[in-house]
C-alpha atoms as a PDB file:
ATOM      1  CA  MET A   1      72.043  28.076 -35.732  1.00  0.00           C
ATOM      2  CA  SER A   2      70.350  29.537 -38.655  1.00  0.00           C
ATOM      3  CA  GLU A   3      67.540  31.255 -39.015  1.00  0.00           C
ATOM      4  CA  ARG A   4      66.293  27.950 -40.874  1.00  0.00           C
ATOM      5  CA  GLU A   5      67.149  25.915 -38.165  1.00  0.00           C
ATOM      6  CA  ARG A   6      65.974  27.637 -35.348  1.00  0.00           C
ATOM      7  CA  ARG A   7      62.097  27.351 -36.834  1.00  0.00           C
ATOM      8  CA  ALA A   8      62.280  23.605 -37.588  1.00  0.00           C
ATOM      9  CA  ARG A   9      63.896  22.907 -33.835  1.00  0.00           C
ATOM     10  CA  PRO A  10      60.377  21.934 -31.857  1.00  0.00           C
ATOM     11  CA  ALA A  11      60.455  24.146 -28.800  1.00  0.00           C
ATOM     12  CA  ALA A  12      61.172  22.627 -25.544  1.00  0.00           C
ATOM     13  CA  THR A  13      57.427  23.359 -24.067  1.00  0.00           C
ATOM     14  CA  SER A  14      56.103  21.703 -27.397  1.00  0.00           C
ATOM     15  CA  LEU A  15      56.167  18.434 -25.383  1.00  0.00           C
ATOM     16  CA  PRO A  16      52.409  17.592 -23.734  1.00  0.00           C
ATOM     17  CA  HIS A  17      53.116  16.068 -20.773  1.00  0.00           C
ATOM     18  CA  ALA A  18      57.222  17.471 -20.156  1.00  0.00           C
ATOM     19  CA  ARG A  19      58.222  19.068 -16.376  1.00  0.00           C
ATOM     20  CA  PRO A  20      61.351  20.094 -15.156  1.00  0.00           C
ATOM     21  CA  PRO A  21      62.231  17.245 -13.037  1.00  0.00           C
ATOM     22  CA  VAL A  22      62.303  17.509  -9.014  1.00  0.00           C
ATOM     23  CA  ASP A  23      65.665  20.289  -7.799  1.00  0.00           C
ATOM     24  CA  ALA A  24      67.422  17.721  -4.609  1.00  0.00           C
ATOM     25  CA  ALA A  25      68.342  21.030  -3.152  1.00  0.00           C
ATOM     26  CA  ASP A  26      65.247  22.477  -3.518  1.00  0.00           C
ATOM     27  CA  PRO A  27      62.308  19.776  -3.778  1.00  0.00           C
ATOM     28  CA  LEU A  28      59.506  22.642  -3.002  1.00  0.00           C
ATOM     29  CA  ASP A  29      59.310  25.110  -6.196  1.00  0.00           C
ATOM     30  CA  GLU A  30      55.411  24.950  -6.135  1.00  0.00           C
ATOM     31  CA  ALA A  31      55.470  26.021 -10.087  1.00  0.00           C
ATOM     32  CA  THR A  32      57.563  22.695 -10.913  1.00  0.00           C
ATOM     33  CA  ARG A  33      54.181  20.258  -8.761  1.00  0.00           C
ATOM     34  CA  PRO A  34      51.390  19.443 -10.976  1.00  0.00           C
ATOM     35  CA  ARG A  35      47.954  19.741  -9.758  1.00  0.00           C
ATOM     36  CA  ALA A  36      44.994  17.265 -10.518  1.00  0.00           C
ATOM     37  CA  PRO A  37      41.861  18.620 -11.770  1.00  0.00           C
ATOM     38  CA  LYS A  38      39.841  19.163  -8.757  1.00  0.00           C
ATOM     39  CA  HIS A  39      35.808  17.740  -8.723  1.00  0.00           C
ATOM     40  CA  PRO A  40      33.222  19.187  -6.547  1.00  0.00           C
ATOM     41  CA  ALA A  41      33.488  17.940  -2.458  1.00  0.00           C
ATOM     42  CA  ALA A  42      30.255  15.263  -1.757  1.00  0.00           C
ATOM     43  CA  GLY A  43      29.840  16.174   1.488  1.00  0.00           C
ATOM     44  CA  PRO A  44      32.496  15.849   4.677  1.00  0.00           C
ATOM     45  CA  PRO A  45      34.974  13.392   4.425  1.00  0.00           C
ATOM     46  CA  CYS A  46      34.200   9.871   6.163  1.00  0.00           C
ATOM     47  CA  PRO A  47      34.609   9.401   9.396  1.00  0.00           C
ATOM     48  CA  GLY A  48      36.302   5.911   8.620  1.00  0.00           C
ATOM     49  CA  GLY A  49      37.439   6.338   4.525  1.00  0.00           C
ATOM     50  CA  THR A  50      41.214   6.603   3.618  1.00  0.00           C
ATOM     51  CA  GLY A  51      41.364  10.353   3.201  1.00  0.00           C
ATOM     52  CA  LEU A  52      41.196  11.209   7.079  1.00  0.00           C
ATOM     53  CA  ARG A  53      42.722   8.071   8.605  1.00  0.00           C
ATOM     54  CA  LEU A  54      45.534   9.147   5.522  1.00  0.00           C
ATOM     55  CA  LYS A  55      45.326  12.979   7.244  1.00  0.00           C
ATOM     56  CA  LEU A  56      45.631  11.463  11.195  1.00  0.00           C
ATOM     57  CA  ILE A  57      49.017   9.332   9.868  1.00  0.00           C
ATOM     58  CA  HIS A  58      50.296  12.123   9.146  1.00  0.00           C
ATOM     59  CA  ASP A  59      49.586  14.364  12.004  1.00  0.00           C
ATOM     60  CA  GLY A  60      51.049  12.079  13.856  1.00  0.00           C
ATOM     61  CA  LEU A  61      54.579  12.305  11.653  1.00  0.00           C
ATOM     62  CA  ARG A  62      54.365  16.091  12.161  1.00  0.00           C
ATOM     63  CA  ARG A  63      54.131  15.507  15.907  1.00  0.00           C
ATOM     64  CA  GLU A  64      56.662  13.177  16.152  1.00  0.00           C
ATOM     65  CA  MET A  65      59.010  15.286  13.738  1.00  0.00           C
ATOM     66  CA  ARG A  66      58.057  18.585  16.230  1.00  0.00           C
ATOM     67  CA  GLN A  67      59.741  16.381  18.977  1.00  0.00           C
ATOM     68  CA  ILE A  68      62.972  15.412  16.680  1.00  0.00           C
ATOM     69  CA  ARG A  69      63.749  19.302  16.207  1.00  0.00           C
ATOM     70  CA  THR A  70      62.810  20.068  20.073  1.00  0.00           C
ATOM     71  CA  ALA A  71      65.450  16.536  20.380  1.00  0.00           C
ATOM     72  CA  VAL A  72      68.254  18.168  18.694  1.00  0.00           C
ATOM     73  CA  GLU A  73      67.583  21.671  20.477  1.00  0.00           C
ATOM     74  CA  GLN A  74      68.205  20.168  23.522  1.00  0.00           C
ATOM     75  CA  VAL A  75      70.883  18.147  22.504  1.00  0.00           C
ATOM     76  CA  ALA A  76      72.330  21.022  21.512  1.00  0.00           C
ATOM     77  CA  ALA A  77      71.699  23.222  25.277  1.00  0.00           C
ATOM     78  CA  GLY A  78      73.308  20.285  27.174  1.00  0.00           C
ATOM     79  CA  ARG A  79      70.112  18.058  27.974  1.00  0.00           C
ATOM     80  CA  LEU A  80      69.327  14.662  27.862  1.00  0.00           C
ATOM     81  CA  ASP A  81      65.404  14.891  27.369  1.00  0.00           C
ATOM     82  CA  ALA A  82      62.359  16.743  27.035  1.00  0.00           C
ATOM     83  CA  THR A  83      62.061  17.190  30.583  1.00  0.00           C
ATOM     84  CA  SER A  84      65.404  18.122  32.025  1.00  0.00           C
ATOM     85  CA  ALA A  85      66.467  21.628  32.872  1.00  0.00           C
ATOM     86  CA  ARG A  86      69.972  20.138  33.687  1.00  0.00           C
ATOM     87  CA  ARG A  87      73.044  21.670  34.934  1.00  0.00           C
ATOM     88  CA  ALA A  88      75.351  21.315  31.941  1.00  0.00           C
ATOM     89  CA  VAL A  89      76.733  17.661  31.185  1.00  0.00           C
ATOM     90  CA  ASN A  90      79.870  16.166  31.167  1.00  0.00           C
ATOM     91  CA  GLN A  91      81.238  14.898  28.090  1.00  0.00           C
ATOM     92  CA  LEU A  92      79.557  11.074  28.901  1.00  0.00           C
ATOM     93  CA  SER A  93      76.491  12.062  29.427  1.00  0.00           C
ATOM     94  CA  SER A  94      76.096  14.535  26.403  1.00  0.00           C
ATOM     95  CA  ARG A  95      77.386  11.306  24.406  1.00  0.00           C
ATOM     96  CA  GLN A  96      74.428   9.393  25.760  1.00  0.00           C
ATOM     97  CA  GLY A  97      72.361  12.236  24.770  1.00  0.00           C
ATOM     98  CA  TYR A  98      73.346  12.030  20.991  1.00  0.00           C
ATOM     99  CA  ARG A  99      72.707   7.751  21.491  1.00  0.00           C
ATOM    100  CA  THR A 100      69.101   8.515  22.756  1.00  0.00           C
ATOM    101  CA  LEU A 101      68.361  11.034  19.808  1.00  0.00           C
ATOM    102  CA  GLY A 102      70.215   8.185  17.479  1.00  0.00           C
ATOM    103  CA  ALA A 103      67.462   5.895  18.713  1.00  0.00           C
ATOM    104  CA  PHE A 104      64.440   7.885  18.329  1.00  0.00           C
ATOM    105  CA  CYS A 105      65.413   9.276  14.768  1.00  0.00           C
ATOM    106  CA  THR A 106      66.183   5.885  13.577  1.00  0.00           C
ATOM    107  CA  ALA A 107      62.416   4.373  14.744  1.00  0.00           C
ATOM    108  CA  TYR A 108      61.049   7.657  13.483  1.00  0.00           C
ATOM    109  CA  HIS A 109      63.191   6.559  10.019  1.00  0.00           C
ATOM    110  CA  ARG A 110      61.552   3.304  10.595  1.00  0.00           C
ATOM    111  CA  THR A 111      57.872   4.384  10.797  1.00  0.00           C
ATOM    112  CA  LEU A 112      57.720   7.136   7.962  1.00  0.00           C
ATOM    113  CA  THR A 113      60.012   4.902   5.879  1.00  0.00           C
ATOM    114  CA  VAL A 114      57.252   2.253   6.197  1.00  0.00           C
ATOM    115  CA  HIS A 115      54.285   5.121   5.529  1.00  0.00           C
ATOM    116  CA  HIS A 116      56.173   5.741   1.965  1.00  0.00           C
ATOM    117  CA  THR A 117      56.290   1.986   1.343  1.00  0.00           C
ATOM    118  CA  ILE A 118      52.215   1.569   1.535  1.00  0.00           C
ATOM    119  CA  GLU A 119      51.474   5.012  -0.550  1.00  0.00           C
ATOM    120  CA  ASP A 120      53.940   3.979  -3.299  1.00  0.00           C
ATOM    121  CA  GLN A 121      53.341  -0.308  -3.640  1.00  0.00           C
ATOM    122  CA  LEU A 122      49.350  -0.064  -2.643  1.00  0.00           C
ATOM    123  CA  MET A 123      48.114   3.436  -2.702  1.00  0.00           C
ATOM    124  CA  PHE A 124      49.526   5.312  -5.409  1.00  0.00           C
ATOM    125  CA  PRO A 125      48.868   2.659  -8.092  1.00  0.00           C
ATOM    126  CA  GLU A 126      44.943   2.364  -7.311  1.00  0.00           C
ATOM    127  CA  LEU A 127      45.181   6.139  -7.884  1.00  0.00           C
ATOM    128  CA  ARG A 128      46.607   5.812 -11.025  1.00  0.00           C
ATOM    129  CA  ASP A 129      44.236   3.331 -12.437  1.00  0.00           C
ATOM    130  CA  ARG A 130      40.967   5.344 -10.630  1.00  0.00           C
ATOM    131  CA  GLN A 131      41.653   8.257 -12.295  1.00  0.00           C
ATOM    132  CA  PRO A 132      44.521   9.086 -14.354  1.00  0.00           C
ATOM    133  CA  SER A 133      44.889  12.698 -14.399  1.00  0.00           C
ATOM    134  CA  LEU A 134      46.300  11.776 -10.442  1.00  0.00           C
ATOM    135  CA  GLY A 135      49.247  10.374 -12.380  1.00  0.00           C
ATOM    136  CA  PRO A 136      51.622  13.590 -12.541  1.00  0.00           C
ATOM    137  CA  VAL A 137      50.668  14.188  -8.721  1.00  0.00           C
ATOM    138  CA  VAL A 138      51.774  11.087  -7.987  1.00  0.00           C
ATOM    139  CA  GLU A 139      54.729  10.726  -9.772  1.00  0.00           C
ATOM    140  CA  ARG A 140      56.063  14.065  -7.800  1.00  0.00           C
ATOM    141  CA  LEU A 141      55.077  12.154  -4.616  1.00  0.00           C
ATOM    142  CA  GLU A 142      57.239   9.289  -5.001  1.00  0.00           C
ATOM    143  CA  GLN A 143      59.723  11.750  -6.509  1.00  0.00           C
ATOM    144  CA  GLU A 144      59.473  13.315  -3.343  1.00  0.00           C
ATOM    145  CA  HIS A 145      59.495  10.206  -1.186  1.00  0.00           C
ATOM    146  CA  GLU A 146      63.295   9.443  -2.369  1.00  0.00           C
ATOM    147  CA  ILE A 147      64.228  13.184  -1.188  1.00  0.00           C
ATOM    148  CA  ILE A 148      62.729  12.887   1.550  1.00  0.00           C
ATOM    149  CA  ALA A 149      64.791   8.995   2.289  1.00  0.00           C
ATOM    150  CA  GLU A 150      68.288  10.643   1.087  1.00  0.00           C
ATOM    151  CA  THR A 151      67.526  13.256   3.814  1.00  0.00           C
ATOM    152  CA  LEU A 152      66.229  10.847   6.414  1.00  0.00           C
ATOM    153  CA  ALA A 153      70.002   8.949   5.445  1.00  0.00           C
ATOM    154  CA  ASN A 154      72.005  11.692   5.851  1.00  0.00           C
ATOM    155  CA  LEU A 155      70.506  12.279   9.074  1.00  0.00           C
ATOM    156  CA  ASP A 156      71.444   8.882  10.178  1.00  0.00           C
ATOM    157  CA  THR A 157      74.959   9.551   9.201  1.00  0.00           C
ATOM    158  CA  ALA A 158      75.538  12.711  10.867  1.00  0.00           C
ATOM    159  CA  LEU A 159      73.948  11.029  14.109  1.00  0.00           C
ATOM    160  CA  VAL A 160      76.400   8.049  13.521  1.00  0.00           C
ATOM    161  CA  ALA A 161      79.157  10.700  13.613  1.00  0.00           C
ATOM    162  CA  LEU A 162      78.232  12.757  16.300  1.00  0.00           C
ATOM    163  CA  VAL A 163      77.833   9.232  18.608  1.00  0.00           C
ATOM    164  CA  GLN A 164      81.393   7.978  17.554  1.00  0.00           C
ATOM    165  CA  GLY A 165      83.323  11.659  16.769  1.00  0.00           C
ATOM    166  CA  ASP A 166      85.841  12.941  19.465  1.00  0.00           C
ATOM    167  CA  GLN A 167      84.800  16.116  21.693  1.00  0.00           C
ATOM    168  CA  ALA A 168      87.375  18.305  19.565  1.00  0.00           C
ATOM    169  CA  GLY A 169      84.497  18.340  16.242  1.00  0.00           C
ATOM    170  CA  SER A 170      81.527  17.949  18.253  1.00  0.00           C
ATOM    171  CA  ALA A 171      80.199  21.520  17.874  1.00  0.00           C
ATOM    172  CA  ALA A 172      80.989  21.019  13.622  1.00  0.00           C
ATOM    173  CA  ARG A 173      78.758  17.467  13.655  1.00  0.00           C
ATOM    174  CA  LEU A 174      76.164  18.974  15.736  1.00  0.00           C
ATOM    175  CA  ASP A 175      75.451  21.582  13.341  1.00  0.00           C
ATOM    176  CA  ARG A 176      75.432  19.194  10.418  1.00  0.00           C
ATOM    177  CA  VAL A 177      72.625  17.104  12.699  1.00  0.00           C
ATOM    178  CA  ARG A 178      70.691  20.540  12.744  1.00  0.00           C
ATOM    179  CA  ALA A 179      71.025  21.893   9.790  1.00  0.00           C
ATOM    180  CA  LEU A 180      69.811  18.018   8.120  1.00  0.00           C
ATOM    181  CA  THR A 181      67.261  18.297  10.833  1.00  0.00           C
ATOM    182  CA  ALA A 182      65.774  21.510   9.896  1.00  0.00           C
ATOM    183  CA  ARG A 183      65.701  20.463   5.899  1.00  0.00           C
ATOM    184  CA  LEU A 184      63.862  17.023   6.798  1.00  0.00           C
ATOM    185  CA  ASP A 185      61.665  19.405   8.490  1.00  0.00           C
ATOM    186  CA  ARG A 186      61.380  21.776   6.026  1.00  0.00           C
ATOM    187  CA  VAL A 187      60.783  18.975   3.280  1.00  0.00           C
ATOM    188  CA  LEU A 188      58.384  16.958   4.909  1.00  0.00           C
ATOM    189  CA  SER A 189      56.211  19.353   5.942  1.00  0.00           C
ATOM    190  CA  SER A 190      56.009  20.820   2.716  1.00  0.00           C
ATOM    191  CA  HIS A 191      55.695  16.952   1.198  1.00  0.00           C
ATOM    192  CA  LEU A 192      52.144  16.226   3.992  1.00  0.00           C
ATOM    193  CA  ARG A 193      50.833  19.564   2.817  1.00  0.00           C
ATOM    194  CA  TYR A 194      51.217  18.631  -0.870  1.00  0.00           C
ATOM    195  CA  GLU A 195      49.670  15.326  -0.963  1.00  0.00           C
ATOM    196  CA  GLU A 196      46.507  16.017   1.231  1.00  0.00           C
ATOM    197  CA  ASP A 197      45.658  18.736  -0.932  1.00  0.00           C
ATOM    198  CA  GLU A 198      45.886  16.105  -4.021  1.00  0.00           C
ATOM    199  CA  LEU A 199      44.991  13.140  -2.560  1.00  0.00           C
ATOM    200  CA  LEU A 200      42.923  13.536   0.366  1.00  0.00           C
ATOM    201  CA  GLU A 201      39.460  13.925  -1.774  1.00  0.00           C
ATOM    202  CA  PRO A 202      39.843  11.726  -4.419  1.00  0.00           C
ATOM    203  CA  LEU A 203      40.789   8.665  -1.518  1.00  0.00           C
ATOM    204  CA  ASP A 204      37.217   9.369   0.167  1.00  0.00           C
ATOM    205  CA  ARG A 205      35.771   9.780  -3.597  1.00  0.00           C
ATOM    206  CA  LEU A 206      37.347   6.784  -5.102  1.00  0.00           C
ATOM    207  CA  GLY A 207      36.549   4.312  -2.201  1.00  0.00           C
ATOM    208  CA  ILE A 208      39.722   3.108  -1.906  1.00  0.00           C
ATOM    209  CA  HIS A 209      40.657   1.545   1.416  1.00  0.00           C
ATOM    210  CA  VAL A 210      44.637   0.621   1.833  1.00  0.00           C
END
């Protein structure tokens, strides 16, 4: 490329709204997360406000994520549930433990999917309309919802393989479940913090109810 061509070519950063896409392998890069202008808080969160309700829902998701982590480790240790510290179990009871874990994860998948659907279809559009500067933040949150959904789907597939597979490959399949659980925990925890940092204040300030 000639010097004239290089000078004439627009820089990649010249587009005012251009920003890197979410990296599915590492969606937590803070440098690529948009931040909306902050407004002075008018006071403490309203006890009945959407911001506080969102925080309480998130805290519930965090508690259930911790329960899933614990359940996975108990299956790995040969236990059936959170309260048992029993002797090593045979193949049949181990598979029952896998089924119990699978049912728990399926219920969590359903809860998280409903929560994100409400945000995507009801809360986010109103935030965009009422405060356009939140548009890039909302777009990023929607992208992260897709990454979380993909991770959940992969975890579900791994759990099915764990339940249905033979004993010979169970260790590798369990390692896959543990790795995906750790990824889900990491991605979801970071996502919830980001969402709270950016949305709790405007939800209450704008009086948005969902």
